[in-house]
Protein backbone atom coordinates (compact mmCIF):
# COMPACT_ATOMS: atom_id res chain seq x y z
CA MET A 1 37.08 -13.49 -6.81
CA SER A 2 34.16 -11.59 -8.29
CA HIS A 3 31.74 -14.10 -6.71
CA LEU A 4 33.31 -13.37 -3.32
CA PHE A 5 32.76 -9.62 -3.68
CA THR A 6 29.23 -10.21 -4.93
CA GLY A 7 28.48 -12.41 -1.94
CA LEU A 8 29.91 -9.87 0.49
CA ALA A 9 27.91 -7.07 -1.15
CA MET A 10 24.71 -9.11 -0.88
CA ILE A 11 25.40 -9.84 2.80
CA LEU A 12 26.00 -6.16 3.51
CA VAL A 13 22.83 -5.14 1.69
CA GLY A 14 20.87 -7.82 3.56
CA ILE A 15 22.18 -6.57 6.89
CA TRP A 16 21.34 -3.00 5.91
CA LEU A 17 17.77 -4.01 5.06
CA ILE A 18 17.23 -6.23 8.09
CA LEU A 19 18.80 -3.88 10.65
CA PRO A 20 15.78 -1.52 11.05
CA PHE A 21 13.47 -4.47 11.70
CA TYR A 22 15.89 -6.04 14.15
CA TRP A 23 16.29 -2.72 15.93
CA ALA A 24 12.51 -2.35 16.21
CA ILE A 25 12.17 -5.89 17.60
CA ILE A 26 14.81 -5.45 20.31
CA THR A 27 13.50 -1.97 21.16
CA SER A 28 10.01 -3.38 21.67
CA LEU A 29 11.52 -5.89 24.14
CA LYS A 30 13.42 -3.30 26.19
CA ARG A 31 12.44 -1.49 29.35
CA PRO A 32 12.33 2.31 29.00
CA ALA A 33 15.63 2.65 30.89
CA ASP A 34 17.38 0.29 28.43
CA VAL A 35 16.16 2.00 25.24
CA PHE A 36 18.70 4.81 25.46
CA LYS A 37 21.61 2.46 26.05
CA LEU A 38 23.67 0.98 23.20
CA SER A 39 22.53 -2.58 23.74
CA VAL A 40 21.72 -4.83 20.78
CA ILE A 41 22.10 -8.37 22.07
CA PRO A 42 19.23 -9.70 24.23
CA PHE A 43 20.08 -11.54 27.45
CA LEU A 44 23.72 -10.42 27.21
CA GLN A 45 23.39 -6.63 27.16
CA PHE A 46 19.83 -6.30 28.43
CA ASP A 47 17.06 -8.45 29.86
CA PRO A 48 14.16 -8.64 27.36
CA THR A 49 10.60 -8.10 28.57
CA LEU A 50 7.13 -8.46 27.06
CA ALA A 51 5.74 -5.62 29.16
CA ASN A 52 5.46 -3.28 26.19
CA TRP A 53 3.52 -5.87 24.19
CA ARG A 54 1.24 -6.60 27.14
CA ASN A 55 0.51 -2.91 27.60
CA GLU A 56 -0.34 -2.47 23.95
CA LEU A 57 -2.36 -5.66 23.51
CA VAL A 58 -4.17 -5.46 26.86
CA LEU A 59 -4.32 -1.89 28.15
CA ARG A 60 -4.57 -0.22 24.72
CA ARG A 61 -6.19 -3.10 22.89
CA THR A 62 -9.29 -1.13 21.88
CA GLU A 63 -7.26 1.72 20.40
CA ILE A 64 -4.84 -0.58 18.54
CA LEU A 65 -7.56 -2.85 17.13
CA SER A 66 -9.58 0.17 16.05
CA GLY A 67 -6.57 1.62 14.24
CA LEU A 68 -5.71 -1.67 12.54
CA SER A 69 -9.32 -2.32 11.48
CA THR A 70 -9.66 1.22 10.12
CA SER A 71 -6.43 0.90 8.14
CA PHE A 72 -7.50 -2.49 6.80
CA ILE A 73 -11.00 -1.38 5.77
CA VAL A 74 -9.74 1.82 4.14
CA ALA A 75 -6.89 0.03 2.33
CA VAL A 76 -9.06 -2.82 1.02
CA SER A 77 -11.90 -0.49 -0.02
CA THR A 78 -9.49 1.84 -1.77
CA ALA A 79 -7.83 -1.03 -3.63
CA VAL A 80 -11.17 -2.50 -4.76
CA ILE A 81 -12.62 0.82 -5.96
CA ALA A 82 -9.42 1.96 -7.65
CA LEU A 83 -9.06 -1.46 -9.32
CA ALA A 84 -12.61 -1.32 -10.64
CA ILE A 85 -12.07 2.13 -12.14
CA GLY A 86 -8.48 1.51 -13.21
CA THR A 87 -9.30 -1.77 -14.96
CA LEU A 88 -11.95 -0.18 -17.16
CA ALA A 89 -9.79 2.89 -17.87
CA GLY A 90 -6.71 0.77 -18.59
CA TYR A 91 -8.65 -1.45 -20.98
CA ALA A 92 -10.08 1.58 -22.77
CA LEU A 93 -6.63 3.11 -23.22
CA ALA A 94 -5.22 -0.19 -24.48
CA ARG A 95 -7.98 -1.07 -26.94
CA PHE A 96 -9.59 2.16 -28.16
CA LYS A 97 -8.29 5.21 -30.02
CA TYR A 98 -9.70 8.64 -29.22
CA GLN A 99 -10.02 11.45 -31.73
CA ARG A 100 -9.85 14.60 -29.62
CA TRP A 101 -7.05 13.52 -27.29
CA LYS A 102 -4.32 11.03 -27.99
CA ASN A 103 -4.13 7.99 -25.72
CA LYS A 104 -0.62 8.84 -24.55
CA ASP A 105 -1.79 12.34 -23.56
CA ILE A 106 -4.62 10.86 -21.52
CA ALA A 107 -2.22 8.44 -19.85
CA LEU A 108 0.21 11.27 -19.12
CA TRP A 109 -2.56 13.31 -17.53
CA ILE A 110 -3.52 10.37 -15.35
CA LEU A 111 0.10 9.87 -14.32
CA SER A 112 0.38 13.59 -13.51
CA GLN A 113 -2.02 13.01 -10.60
CA ARG A 114 0.91 11.32 -8.84
CA PHE A 115 3.21 14.27 -9.60
CA LEU A 116 0.94 16.65 -7.70
CA PRO A 117 2.25 17.06 -4.12
CA PRO A 118 -0.43 15.69 -1.76
CA ALA A 119 0.29 18.56 0.66
CA ALA A 120 -1.02 21.00 -1.98
CA THR A 121 -4.48 19.38 -1.83
CA VAL A 122 -4.85 18.91 1.92
CA ILE A 123 -6.66 22.18 2.57
CA PRO A 124 -9.13 21.81 -0.36
CA PHE A 125 -9.94 18.25 0.73
CA PHE A 126 -10.32 19.36 4.35
CA LEU A 127 -12.73 22.19 3.45
CA MET A 128 -14.71 20.00 1.08
CA PHE A 129 -15.13 17.15 3.58
CA LYS A 130 -16.01 19.62 6.33
CA GLN A 131 -18.73 21.04 4.12
CA PHE A 132 -20.19 17.56 3.55
CA GLY A 133 -19.73 16.41 7.14
CA LEU A 134 -17.21 13.71 6.24
CA LEU A 135 -14.37 14.70 8.57
CA ASP A 136 -13.15 11.90 10.84
CA THR A 137 -14.84 9.22 8.73
CA ARG A 138 -13.48 6.21 6.90
CA LEU A 139 -15.32 7.31 3.76
CA ALA A 140 -13.19 10.47 3.59
CA LEU A 141 -9.98 8.43 3.75
CA ILE A 142 -11.27 6.01 1.11
CA LEU A 143 -12.14 8.83 -1.29
CA VAL A 144 -8.80 10.60 -0.83
CA ASN A 145 -6.69 7.47 -1.18
CA THR A 146 -8.70 6.26 -4.18
CA THR A 147 -8.00 9.59 -5.92
CA PHE A 148 -4.24 9.20 -5.54
CA THR A 149 -3.97 5.46 -6.22
CA ILE A 150 -6.07 5.19 -9.39
CA PRO A 151 -3.10 6.13 -11.63
CA PHE A 152 -1.22 2.99 -10.51
CA ALA A 153 -4.11 0.75 -11.54
CA VAL A 154 -4.68 2.53 -14.86
CA LEU A 155 -1.07 2.42 -16.01
CA ILE A 156 -0.25 -1.10 -14.80
CA LEU A 157 -3.40 -2.58 -16.33
CA ARG A 158 -3.11 -0.57 -19.54
CA ASP A 159 0.27 -2.16 -20.20
CA ALA A 160 -1.08 -5.58 -19.23
CA PHE A 161 -3.99 -5.34 -21.67
CA ARG A 162 -1.67 -4.07 -24.37
CA GLU A 163 0.36 -7.27 -24.18
CA LEU A 164 -2.68 -9.46 -24.79
CA PRO A 165 -3.23 -10.40 -28.44
CA ILE A 166 -6.39 -8.66 -29.56
CA GLU A 167 -7.09 -11.67 -31.77
CA LEU A 168 -8.23 -13.59 -28.65
CA GLU A 169 -11.06 -11.12 -28.07
CA GLU A 170 -11.90 -10.91 -31.76
CA ALA A 171 -12.20 -14.71 -31.89
CA ALA A 172 -14.51 -14.65 -28.88
CA GLN A 173 -16.70 -12.02 -30.56
CA VAL A 174 -16.86 -14.16 -33.72
CA ASP A 175 -18.13 -16.99 -31.53
CA GLY A 176 -20.96 -14.79 -30.28
CA CYS A 177 -19.54 -12.85 -27.34
CA SER A 178 -20.33 -9.18 -26.98
CA PRO A 179 -17.40 -6.76 -26.52
CA PHE A 180 -18.14 -6.63 -22.79
CA GLN A 181 -18.29 -10.42 -22.55
CA SER A 182 -14.96 -10.77 -24.35
CA PHE A 183 -13.52 -8.30 -21.86
CA THR A 184 -14.85 -10.11 -18.78
CA ARG A 185 -14.40 -13.70 -19.99
CA ILE A 186 -11.19 -13.46 -22.01
CA ALA A 187 -9.10 -10.38 -21.25
CA LEU A 188 -9.78 -9.96 -17.54
CA PRO A 189 -8.82 -13.52 -16.45
CA LEU A 190 -5.58 -13.33 -18.46
CA VAL A 191 -4.40 -10.18 -16.66
CA ALA A 192 -5.19 -11.55 -13.19
CA PRO A 193 -1.51 -11.35 -12.06
CA ALA A 194 -1.44 -7.66 -13.00
CA LEU A 195 -4.68 -7.13 -11.07
CA VAL A 196 -3.12 -8.68 -7.98
CA SER A 197 0.04 -6.60 -8.37
CA ALA A 198 -1.86 -3.36 -8.76
CA GLY A 199 -4.11 -4.24 -5.82
CA ILE A 200 -1.17 -4.96 -3.52
CA ILE A 201 0.59 -1.74 -4.52
CA MET A 202 -2.52 0.33 -3.82
CA PHE A 203 -3.14 -1.51 -0.58
CA ALA A 204 0.42 -0.77 0.58
CA PHE A 205 0.28 2.90 -0.38
CA THR A 206 -3.04 3.35 1.40
CA TRP A 207 -1.94 1.41 4.47
CA ASN A 208 1.16 3.60 4.85
CA GLU A 209 -0.57 6.94 4.12
CA PHE A 210 -0.19 9.42 6.97
CA LEU A 211 -0.67 13.04 5.85
CA PHE A 212 -4.38 12.96 4.98
CA ALA A 213 -5.15 10.56 7.82
CA PHE A 214 -3.52 12.96 10.27
CA ILE A 215 -5.37 16.01 8.93
CA LEU A 216 -8.80 14.51 8.23
CA THR A 217 -9.25 12.32 11.33
CA TYR A 218 -8.99 12.88 15.07
CA SER A 219 -10.83 10.17 17.04
CA LYS A 220 -13.36 7.92 15.30
CA ALA A 221 -11.53 6.98 12.10
CA THR A 222 -7.90 7.15 13.16
CA PRO A 223 -5.73 4.60 11.27
CA ILE A 224 -2.71 2.85 12.70
CA THR A 225 -0.24 5.29 11.13
CA VAL A 226 -1.68 8.16 13.15
CA ILE A 227 -1.74 6.02 16.29
CA ILE A 228 1.94 5.25 15.85
CA SER A 229 2.73 8.97 15.57
CA GLY A 230 0.90 9.62 18.84
CA THR A 231 3.29 7.64 21.05
CA SER A 232 4.68 10.59 22.98
CA ASP A 233 4.11 12.26 26.33
CA THR A 234 5.61 15.10 28.36
CA THR A 235 8.93 13.25 28.60
CA GLY A 236 9.27 12.76 24.84
CA VAL A 237 8.75 9.99 22.30
CA GLN A 238 8.12 6.57 23.80
CA PHE A 239 10.32 4.59 21.43
CA TRP A 240 9.45 1.25 23.03
CA TYR A 241 5.79 1.76 22.12
CA VAL A 242 6.64 3.15 18.68
CA SER A 243 8.55 -0.06 17.89
CA THR A 244 5.75 -2.26 19.20
CA ARG A 245 3.06 -0.49 17.18
CA MET A 246 5.24 -0.34 14.09
CA LEU A 247 5.77 -4.10 14.15
CA MET A 248 2.03 -4.67 14.53
CA ALA A 249 1.38 -2.33 11.60
CA ILE A 250 3.94 -4.08 9.39
CA LEU A 251 2.58 -7.58 9.95
CA PRO A 252 -0.71 -7.50 7.91
CA PRO A 253 0.74 -6.09 4.63
CA ALA A 254 3.85 -8.26 5.01
CA LEU A 255 1.77 -11.44 5.34
CA LEU A 256 -0.43 -10.38 2.42
CA THR A 257 2.59 -9.70 0.23
CA LEU A 258 4.24 -13.01 1.08
CA THR A 259 0.99 -14.85 0.35
CA VAL A 260 0.63 -13.48 -3.19
CA GLN A 261 4.31 -12.88 -3.93
CA ARG A 262 4.42 -15.04 -7.05
CA TYR A 263 1.46 -13.16 -8.53
CA ILE A 264 3.17 -9.83 -7.86
CA VAL A 265 6.29 -10.87 -9.75
CA ARG A 266 4.25 -12.22 -12.66
CA GLY A 267 2.07 -9.13 -12.75
CA LEU A 268 4.89 -6.59 -12.73
CA THR A 269 6.84 -8.46 -15.40
CA PHE A 270 3.77 -9.13 -17.55
CA GLY A 271 4.84 -8.81 -21.17
CA ALA A 272 8.44 -7.96 -20.30
CA VAL A 273 9.77 -10.91 -22.30
CA LYS A 274 8.48 -11.78 -25.69
CA GLY A 275 9.41 -14.95 -27.50
């Protein structure tokens, strides 16, 4: 009997999770007049159409491609830079002891960067980038997102390096490797799953970021999140275009996540089980 209730609960949770995506798909296939009707079954309750997709991919192709390319460039650049900094910082926190500040205090300070409400820093970032002429540039978005995603890389990779036996690096140094060589040749390859996990998390956070993108850009470096929010006119929100653009925005990170899914699981559970 318990298995029956568990199965039913899983089905209900699955429906709950899938429903928003299904609703977006059918809304993107509706004519504007059908969007405001309670119709959920194509061909029975409404006649599906690809007009919304044609309008987005043909008439607004330049705008959509520009938004997707900007989001992709900013997200990848942010993930690479934050990984480079976070890997070195995480390794330092895992392997070295500091005299003036304790390692846990340093880690707590790094984590506190995620506790700070992003809205509290919007105006300082805006004024600073305006002073340096970086408003409406991809570089501004990369710098902002890197600032707020570095803590993920530092903490994930610190724990990953902690789980590695330090004897492996010591043995490499006995064989003639320098400390940096033992880091790059021994430790770094062994935490590759954690690197992938941290990279995907930072990519996703950057891809979905809206607040700073909305404030710091207006025409040249507008990412897809801001383009989605702009689907409105004098008659209100154009939900059929919102759904179409949302589905296009979901596709790249979803494909990336599915491609490296096994590395994400291994990376996030790195060291969770010890034999």
